[in-house]
Structures are given as C-alpha cells and as structure tokens.
Amino acid sequence: MSIGIGIVGAGMISNFHAKAIADTRDGKLIGCYDRSVERAEQFASANDCKSYATLEDMLADPDVQAVAICTPSGAHLEPAVAAANAGKHVMVEKPLEVTTEKCDAIIAACDAANVKLAATFQSRFHESSQLMKSAVDAGRFGKITMGDAYVKWYRSQEYYDSGAWRGTWALDGGGALMNQAIHSVDLLLWLMGPAKRVHAMMDTLTHERIEVEDIVIANIQFENGALGVVEATTTAFPGALKRVEIAGSEGSAVLEEEDLTQWTFAKESDEDASIRDRMAGKTETGGGASDPAAIGHHGHTEVFNDFLEAIQSDREPLVNGVEGRRSIELICAIYESARTGKTIEL
C-alpha cells in the first residue's frame, strides 16, 4: 500500500525529493506547501500534485501520511513539530536543524506523537559508504588511528546572493561546514564513532555579504583514541569531490563521493579486487562540488525507501533523529571552538 507524502518548501532540493519519491517502491507525492503560493503552484504543476494554500491545509489532508521538510535549514523546527502533532511521519532534509536544542525539540515532538522521524543523509546509503562501514565493523582496519573529511568545494557570490537566507546564521545555520560539509561530517562520525574533543579555526575569505564562514579547519580526537581533521570550504575553485579517509594499523581506505579510490588491507579478502574495480569511477555527477544542483536523486530514493519501510514495519529509520543530531552536535562544537579559540569537550 502506498504512503502519501507532502513536501513543505518548494526550493531547489524539493525537486530532488519529488524525483526520489517517484522512484520509491511505496511512496506517492500528494502535494506541496510553500509560503510563496506561486512557487507551490509551479511545483505542483511540474510534479502533477496538489498545491496547498497553508501548512494546516496539507496537514489536514488524510491522503498525506508523511511530510518531507525542505525549508531552509534554520526553519525545519516549526513545520516538523506541526507535522508530528498532526500525526504525520516526518522526513527532514539535512541538517535536522541548526542547533542541538532545535534537534531535540523535533525528536521530542515525534516521540510524543509516536511518529517516525528520519534525517536525509543519503551518502550513508551509497554502496561504497556501506562497504567502508562493513570494513570498520569487521575490524579490517586494525587499530583505527585516523579519520579525516575534506570538502573543498566552490560556491560563487551569486549562489549566496540567490536567497536572502543563504549565508545567515539564523537560517543557514553556518557556511561551508553546516551547509556543504555536513554529509561528510555525518559519514565520518558514522564510521569513526563519537568525537571526544575538537579545536578549530574558521574565517570568511572570498565571499561578501554573508555572516558565516567560507573556510574552516578542525582537529578532532575521537572517543576511540583516533585523531582526525575536518576541512571545509566554498572557496576552492573549481571544486573537488568530497573525500573521507580512514586509516589504521592494518588498512586504509579513501572514499571520494561514491568512488573508493583506495582500498588496501594487510589481509586481503577474496572480494577486495572486485571492490576496487567496481567502486572506481562510480560517481556519475559533480557531487555538488561546484554546482549544488549537480547531484543525483538516487541516494534520496534509498532514504525514502528506508523511511517508508520503517513506517510500514514499525521500526526506526536507519538515520533517525538521534543519528541526524550527531553531526549537528559536532558542527556546533567546531563553531564554538573557532569563535572562542578553546578546545571544546563533547
């Protein structure tokens, strides 16, 4: 039986949600609400669905069983809580919210309403990411000593000028780290486990009329004792694929978007050679490195498939609210360290 989904917010990312829902096994796009009636109507016309004049109208529609939140990052809380209070299951585009307090409020609302909550971190669902996670869980890296994430992307001044919310602390929640690098931060924590302490620096070097950083570097110590670095920028023309590296006493692996560019272990398995062959050149898009629209929707499709299956089988989504909160906690600690010059304990 299909599950009806309504989308809140008709900006760029909503189009990827619409394509993803169309490709799901059990999802059906019912309609869209946006504060701009014109934008909602344009979206509805393009995607053959309803346009709602108000959020309340959408939430009152019995055909809508779940809601996908696609508003600006710092405006996720209100519609997510309203959806939960209306008994709708909730999918939130990354980030879950821009502070841990707001994340906690969303999680609490969904728990109280007994509805499912999922955060959109599609990079976890890529085959290459799953292979990295399996290798970590199997102990193939031996003693893991380093875990690093590099997001050297490029965004033009026109990108930041294209929306009044972009580049603001209130609605963007941050710059290169919160908006662009959050997928890599999520992957790093998923692979390495929780962070213990962090020390960071950040600045705004090439963009004008923004409040947030366009470059940040953080040194991290993880609870497992390993050390790592997070580097994020939107100043690196022309932009490179995001990269996550794991290294240990018995192995090293490098993930570039969906490609595994290194996959080397002291104890080779029968599958390693085929993994190296199969995972080379896997990435088919620009990965968003220089153009935020240059991504595929296949990852979002898998996020929605998992979300819908969780609803049907009454289990937790693989990336639930608690999982979606982890990257926010680390990012906020990085910002605090960069502002104060202090090492921050998590």
Protein backbone atom coordinates (compact mmCIF):
# COMPACT_ATOMS: atom_id res chain seq x y z
CA MET A 1 0.00 0.00 0.00
CA SER A 2 1.41 3.39 -0.98
CA ILE A 3 2.11 6.10 1.59
CA GLY A 4 1.13 9.65 0.67
CA ILE A 5 3.83 12.28 1.14
CA GLY A 6 3.53 16.05 1.27
CA ILE A 7 6.51 18.35 0.77
CA VAL A 8 6.97 21.55 2.79
CA GLY A 9 9.11 24.08 0.93
CA ALA A 10 9.39 24.29 -2.86
CA GLY A 11 13.03 25.35 -3.22
CA MET A 12 15.72 23.57 -5.21
CA ILE A 13 16.02 20.47 -3.01
CA SER A 14 12.28 19.78 -3.20
CA ASN A 15 12.72 18.79 -6.83
CA PHE A 16 15.14 16.03 -5.80
CA HIS A 17 12.65 14.83 -3.19
CA ALA A 18 9.91 14.72 -5.81
CA LYS A 19 12.07 12.67 -8.18
CA ALA A 20 13.10 10.36 -5.35
CA ILE A 21 9.52 9.79 -4.21
CA ALA A 22 8.52 8.94 -7.80
CA ASP A 23 11.18 6.21 -7.81
CA THR A 24 10.28 4.69 -4.44
CA ARG A 25 8.56 1.36 -4.06
CA ASP A 26 5.73 2.59 -1.84
CA GLY A 27 5.65 6.39 -1.84
CA LYS A 28 3.29 8.76 -3.62
CA LEU A 29 3.70 12.53 -3.83
CA ILE A 30 0.40 14.10 -2.82
CA GLY A 31 1.24 17.80 -2.77
CA CYS A 32 3.38 20.71 -1.69
CA TYR A 33 3.11 23.75 0.56
CA ASP A 34 5.34 26.83 0.33
CA ARG A 35 5.00 30.28 1.84
CA SER A 36 5.05 31.51 -1.76
CA VAL A 37 1.76 30.37 -3.25
CA GLU A 38 3.14 30.95 -6.74
CA ARG A 39 6.15 28.73 -6.10
CA ALA A 40 3.97 25.98 -4.63
CA GLU A 41 1.66 26.12 -7.64
CA GLN A 42 4.61 25.93 -10.04
CA PHE A 43 5.94 22.90 -8.17
CA ALA A 44 2.51 21.24 -8.19
CA SER A 45 2.13 21.82 -11.92
CA ALA A 46 5.58 20.39 -12.66
CA ASN A 47 5.01 17.32 -10.48
CA ASP A 48 1.31 16.63 -11.09
CA CYS A 49 0.29 17.04 -7.45
CA LYS A 50 -1.73 19.34 -5.21
CA SER A 51 -0.78 22.82 -4.07
CA TYR A 52 -1.83 23.79 -0.55
CA ALA A 53 -2.51 27.38 0.48
CA THR A 54 -1.45 26.74 4.08
CA LEU A 55 0.55 24.18 6.04
CA GLU A 56 -2.58 23.48 8.06
CA ASP A 57 -4.41 22.51 4.85
CA MET A 58 -1.71 19.98 4.00
CA LEU A 59 -1.64 18.52 7.49
CA ALA A 60 -5.45 18.18 7.48
CA ASP A 61 -5.39 16.12 4.26
CA PRO A 62 -5.95 12.43 5.12
CA ASP A 63 -4.13 11.44 1.92
CA VAL A 64 -0.90 12.81 3.45
CA GLN A 65 0.55 10.29 5.91
CA ALA A 66 4.12 11.64 5.88
CA VAL A 67 5.76 15.02 5.36
CA ALA A 68 9.16 15.89 3.86
CA ILE A 69 10.60 19.14 5.22
CA CYS A 70 12.52 21.08 2.53
CA THR A 71 12.51 24.58 4.03
CA PRO A 72 15.74 26.50 4.73
CA SER A 73 17.89 24.75 7.33
CA GLY A 74 17.01 27.00 10.26
CA ALA A 75 13.29 26.75 9.52
CA HIS A 76 12.85 22.99 9.98
CA LEU A 77 11.61 23.03 13.57
CA GLU A 78 8.17 24.62 13.18
CA PRO A 79 6.83 22.53 10.27
CA ALA A 80 8.40 19.33 11.63
CA VAL A 81 6.74 19.76 15.03
CA ALA A 82 3.44 20.75 13.40
CA ALA A 83 3.56 17.63 11.22
CA ALA A 84 4.30 15.39 14.20
CA ASN A 85 1.48 16.96 16.22
CA ALA A 86 -0.84 16.24 13.29
CA GLY A 87 0.17 12.57 13.40
CA LYS A 88 2.28 12.66 10.24
CA HIS A 89 5.59 10.84 9.91
CA VAL A 90 8.46 13.26 9.33
CA MET A 91 11.40 13.26 6.92
CA VAL A 92 13.75 16.25 7.30
CA GLU A 93 16.25 17.34 4.67
CA LYS A 94 19.73 17.87 6.13
CA PRO A 95 20.54 19.31 8.55
CA LEU A 96 17.95 18.10 11.03
CA GLU A 97 18.11 21.65 12.43
CA VAL A 98 20.89 24.16 13.11
CA THR A 99 21.19 23.76 16.90
CA THR A 100 21.06 20.71 19.15
CA GLU A 101 18.23 22.33 21.10
CA LYS A 102 16.08 22.55 17.98
CA CYS A 103 17.01 18.98 17.03
CA ASP A 104 15.95 17.81 20.47
CA ALA A 105 12.61 19.60 20.11
CA ILE A 106 11.90 17.83 16.82
CA ILE A 107 12.92 14.45 18.26
CA ALA A 108 10.76 15.00 21.34
CA ALA A 109 7.71 16.00 19.27
CA CYS A 110 7.98 12.93 17.06
CA ASP A 111 8.50 10.64 20.07
CA ALA A 112 5.48 12.13 21.84
CA ALA A 113 3.32 11.70 18.75
CA ASN A 114 4.67 8.17 18.11
CA VAL A 115 5.57 9.01 14.51
CA LYS A 116 8.72 8.11 12.61
CA LEU A 117 11.47 10.69 12.14
CA ALA A 118 14.22 10.40 9.53
CA ALA A 119 17.06 12.73 8.56
CA THR A 120 18.16 12.94 4.94
CA PHE A 121 21.78 11.77 4.92
CA GLN A 122 21.79 9.91 1.62
CA SER A 123 25.57 9.40 1.48
CA ARG A 124 25.21 6.62 4.08
CA PHE A 125 23.15 4.63 1.58
CA HIS A 126 25.76 4.58 -1.21
CA GLU A 127 27.27 1.14 -1.79
CA SER A 128 30.79 2.48 -1.30
CA SER A 129 29.88 4.01 2.07
CA GLN A 130 28.26 0.76 3.14
CA LEU A 131 31.44 -1.13 2.20
CA MET A 132 33.52 1.27 4.31
CA LYS A 133 31.19 0.79 7.28
CA SER A 134 31.27 -3.00 6.92
CA ALA A 135 35.08 -2.97 6.88
CA VAL A 136 35.17 -0.83 10.02
CA ASP A 137 32.68 -3.07 11.82
CA ALA A 138 34.63 -6.18 10.78
CA GLY A 139 37.84 -4.76 12.25
CA ARG A 140 39.66 -4.84 8.93
CA PHE A 141 41.49 -1.56 9.63
CA GLY A 142 43.04 -2.99 12.80
CA LYS A 143 43.56 -0.20 15.30
CA ILE A 144 41.98 2.82 13.63
CA THR A 145 44.29 5.79 14.08
CA MET A 146 42.98 8.49 11.73
CA GLY A 147 39.66 9.60 10.27
CA ASP A 148 39.53 12.66 8.01
CA ALA A 149 36.94 14.52 5.93
CA TYR A 150 37.77 17.01 3.19
CA VAL A 151 35.18 19.13 1.39
CA LYS A 152 37.00 21.55 -0.92
CA TRP A 153 34.09 22.96 -2.86
CA TYR A 154 33.34 26.17 -4.70
CA ARG A 155 30.33 28.45 -4.47
CA SER A 156 30.09 31.73 -6.38
CA GLN A 157 28.99 35.01 -4.84
CA GLU A 158 25.83 34.68 -6.95
CA TYR A 159 24.99 31.46 -5.08
CA TYR A 160 24.93 33.28 -1.75
CA ASP A 161 23.08 36.26 -3.27
CA SER A 162 20.39 33.99 -4.74
CA GLY A 163 18.44 33.70 -1.48
CA ALA A 164 18.18 36.03 1.49
CA TRP A 165 18.50 33.05 3.89
CA ARG A 166 21.80 31.85 2.41
CA GLY A 167 24.88 32.69 4.40
CA THR A 168 22.95 33.62 7.55
CA TRP A 169 23.42 32.05 10.97
CA ALA A 170 19.69 32.04 11.66
CA LEU A 171 18.50 30.18 8.56
CA ASP A 172 21.62 28.59 7.01
CA GLY A 173 22.99 27.66 10.43
CA GLY A 174 26.55 28.18 9.20
CA GLY A 175 28.51 28.15 5.99
CA ALA A 176 30.81 25.65 4.34
CA LEU A 177 30.62 23.30 7.33
CA MET A 178 26.91 23.26 8.18
CA ASN A 179 25.57 23.54 4.63
CA GLN A 180 28.10 21.86 2.36
CA ALA A 181 30.24 19.55 4.53
CA ILE A 182 27.58 18.11 6.82
CA HIS A 183 27.24 14.91 4.78
CA SER A 184 30.96 14.24 5.22
CA VAL A 185 30.80 15.04 8.93
CA ASP A 186 27.90 12.59 9.25
CA LEU A 187 29.82 9.90 7.39
CA LEU A 188 32.93 10.47 9.49
CA LEU A 189 31.03 10.06 12.77
CA TRP A 190 29.16 7.02 11.42
CA LEU A 191 32.48 5.37 10.55
CA MET A 192 34.65 6.57 13.42
CA GLY A 193 32.21 6.78 16.31
CA PRO A 194 31.65 9.79 18.58
CA ALA A 195 34.05 12.71 18.83
CA LYS A 196 35.58 13.49 22.23
CA ARG A 197 37.12 16.93 21.76
CA VAL A 198 37.72 19.45 18.99
CA HIS A 199 39.83 22.52 18.25
CA ALA A 200 39.04 24.66 15.21
CA MET A 201 39.66 27.81 13.18
CA MET A 202 37.38 29.45 10.62
CA ASP A 203 37.16 32.59 8.51
CA THR A 204 35.35 34.27 5.62
CA LEU A 205 37.96 34.88 2.95
CA THR A 206 36.42 35.34 -0.51
CA HIS A 207 32.67 35.95 -0.18
CA GLU A 208 30.85 39.17 0.64
CA ARG A 209 27.52 39.90 2.34
CA ILE A 210 27.46 36.64 4.30
CA GLU A 211 27.59 36.19 8.06
CA VAL A 212 29.02 32.67 8.02
CA GLU A 213 32.35 31.03 7.29
CA ASP A 214 33.54 30.02 3.84
CA ILE A 215 36.52 28.10 5.24
CA VAL A 216 37.00 26.04 8.41
CA ILE A 217 39.55 23.53 9.70
CA ALA A 218 39.03 21.38 12.81
CA ASN A 219 41.28 18.93 14.64
CA ILE A 220 39.30 16.13 16.28
CA GLN A 221 40.01 13.44 18.84
CA PHE A 222 37.52 10.58 18.74
CA GLU A 223 36.39 8.52 21.71
CA ASN A 224 38.27 5.51 20.29
CA GLY A 225 41.52 7.49 20.59
CA ALA A 226 41.96 8.16 16.88
CA LEU A 227 42.71 11.65 15.59
CA GLY A 228 41.27 13.38 12.56
CA VAL A 229 40.79 16.52 10.56
CA VAL A 230 37.73 18.14 9.03
CA GLU A 231 38.42 20.68 6.28
CA ALA A 232 35.57 22.50 4.58
CA THR A 233 35.47 25.43 2.20
CA THR A 234 33.43 27.00 -0.57
CA THR A 235 36.44 28.96 -1.84
CA ALA A 236 38.32 26.19 -3.70
CA PHE A 237 37.73 26.76 -7.42
CA PRO A 238 36.65 24.72 -9.33
CA GLY A 239 35.66 22.34 -6.54
CA ALA A 240 36.61 18.71 -5.91
CA LEU A 241 34.64 15.64 -4.88
CA LYS A 242 34.22 15.33 -1.12
CA ARG A 243 36.63 12.87 0.46
CA VAL A 244 36.58 10.72 3.61
CA GLU A 245 39.71 8.81 4.63
CA ILE A 246 40.06 6.05 7.23
CA ALA A 247 43.49 4.69 8.22
CA GLY A 248 44.60 2.12 10.74
CA SER A 249 47.30 -0.37 11.65
CA GLU A 250 46.04 -2.93 9.12
CA GLY A 251 44.33 -0.97 6.38
CA SER A 252 43.48 2.29 4.64
CA ALA A 253 40.53 3.37 2.50
CA VAL A 254 39.61 6.59 0.74
CA LEU A 255 36.06 7.45 -0.29
CA GLU A 256 35.59 10.19 -2.91
CA GLU A 257 31.87 10.84 -3.27
CA GLU A 258 30.79 7.33 -4.41
CA ASP A 259 34.24 6.16 -5.55
CA LEU A 260 36.64 4.07 -3.46
CA THR A 261 39.98 5.42 -4.66
CA GLN A 262 41.94 3.38 -2.11
CA TRP A 263 41.01 0.03 -0.61
CA THR A 264 44.09 -1.64 0.88
CA PHE A 265 44.31 -4.10 3.76
CA ALA A 266 47.09 -6.19 5.27
CA LYS A 267 44.83 -9.23 4.99
CA GLU A 268 43.25 -9.25 1.53
CA SER A 269 39.82 -10.82 1.13
CA ASP A 270 38.53 -12.63 -1.94
CA GLU A 271 36.26 -9.66 -2.72
CA ASP A 272 38.82 -6.83 -2.44
CA ALA A 273 39.98 -6.85 -6.06
CA SER A 274 36.42 -6.77 -7.40
CA ILE A 275 35.52 -4.00 -4.93
CA ARG A 276 38.41 -1.89 -6.22
CA ASP A 277 37.31 -2.47 -9.81
CA ARG A 278 33.61 -1.95 -9.18
CA MET A 279 33.95 1.13 -6.99
CA ALA A 280 36.33 3.03 -9.27
CA GLY A 281 34.59 5.71 -11.33
CA LYS A 282 31.27 5.09 -9.59
CA THR A 283 30.39 8.77 -9.26
CA GLU A 284 28.23 9.93 -12.17
CA THR A 285 27.69 13.57 -11.16
CA GLY A 286 29.74 16.51 -9.95
CA GLY A 287 28.74 15.62 -6.41
CA GLY A 288 27.69 19.22 -5.78
CA ALA A 289 31.33 20.33 -5.66
CA SER A 290 30.77 23.44 -7.75
CA ASP A 291 27.06 23.28 -8.60
CA PRO A 292 24.57 22.42 -5.83
CA ALA A 293 22.16 21.05 -8.43
CA ALA A 294 24.78 18.67 -9.89
CA ILE A 295 23.72 15.71 -7.78
CA GLY A 296 21.67 12.63 -8.41
CA HIS A 297 18.47 11.74 -6.59
CA HIS A 298 19.23 8.02 -6.24
CA GLY A 299 20.55 8.49 -2.69
CA HIS A 300 17.38 10.33 -1.70
CA THR A 301 15.35 7.46 -3.17
CA GLU A 302 17.05 5.00 -0.84
CA VAL A 303 16.50 7.30 2.14
CA PHE A 304 12.79 7.44 1.29
CA ASN A 305 12.60 3.67 0.72
CA ASP A 306 14.06 3.08 4.18
CA PHE A 307 11.73 5.69 5.72
CA LEU A 308 8.65 4.15 4.12
CA GLU A 309 9.70 0.64 5.13
CA ALA A 310 10.22 1.86 8.70
CA ILE A 311 6.66 3.22 8.73
CA GLN A 312 5.20 0.00 7.33
CA SER A 313 7.14 -2.35 9.61
CA ASP A 314 7.08 -0.07 12.67
CA ARG A 315 10.83 0.15 13.12
CA GLU A 316 13.26 3.03 13.41
CA PRO A 317 14.62 4.56 10.17
CA LEU A 318 18.31 3.82 9.72
CA VAL A 319 19.09 7.54 10.05
CA ASN A 320 16.61 8.56 12.73
CA GLY A 321 16.51 11.79 14.71
CA VAL A 322 19.22 10.74 17.15
CA GLU A 323 21.54 9.83 14.27
CA GLY A 324 20.68 13.06 12.45
CA ARG A 325 21.58 15.07 15.57
CA ARG A 326 25.16 13.74 15.84
CA SER A 327 26.64 15.87 13.07
CA ILE A 328 24.91 18.98 14.44
CA GLU A 329 26.48 18.46 17.86
CA LEU A 330 29.98 18.22 16.38
CA ILE A 331 29.48 21.12 13.97
CA CYS A 332 28.21 23.38 16.76
CA ALA A 333 31.24 22.41 18.87
CA ILE A 334 33.55 23.26 15.96
CA TYR A 335 31.91 26.67 15.63
CA GLU A 336 32.22 27.29 19.37
CA SER A 337 35.91 26.37 19.28
CA ALA A 338 36.57 28.60 16.29
CA ARG A 339 34.79 31.55 17.95
CA THR A 340 36.46 31.16 21.35
CA GLY A 341 39.85 29.72 20.42
CA LYS A 342 39.30 27.00 23.02
CA THR A 343 39.35 23.23 22.79
CA ILE A 344 35.75 22.06 23.22
CA GLU A 345 34.87 18.83 25.01
CA LEU A 346 31.83 16.97 23.74
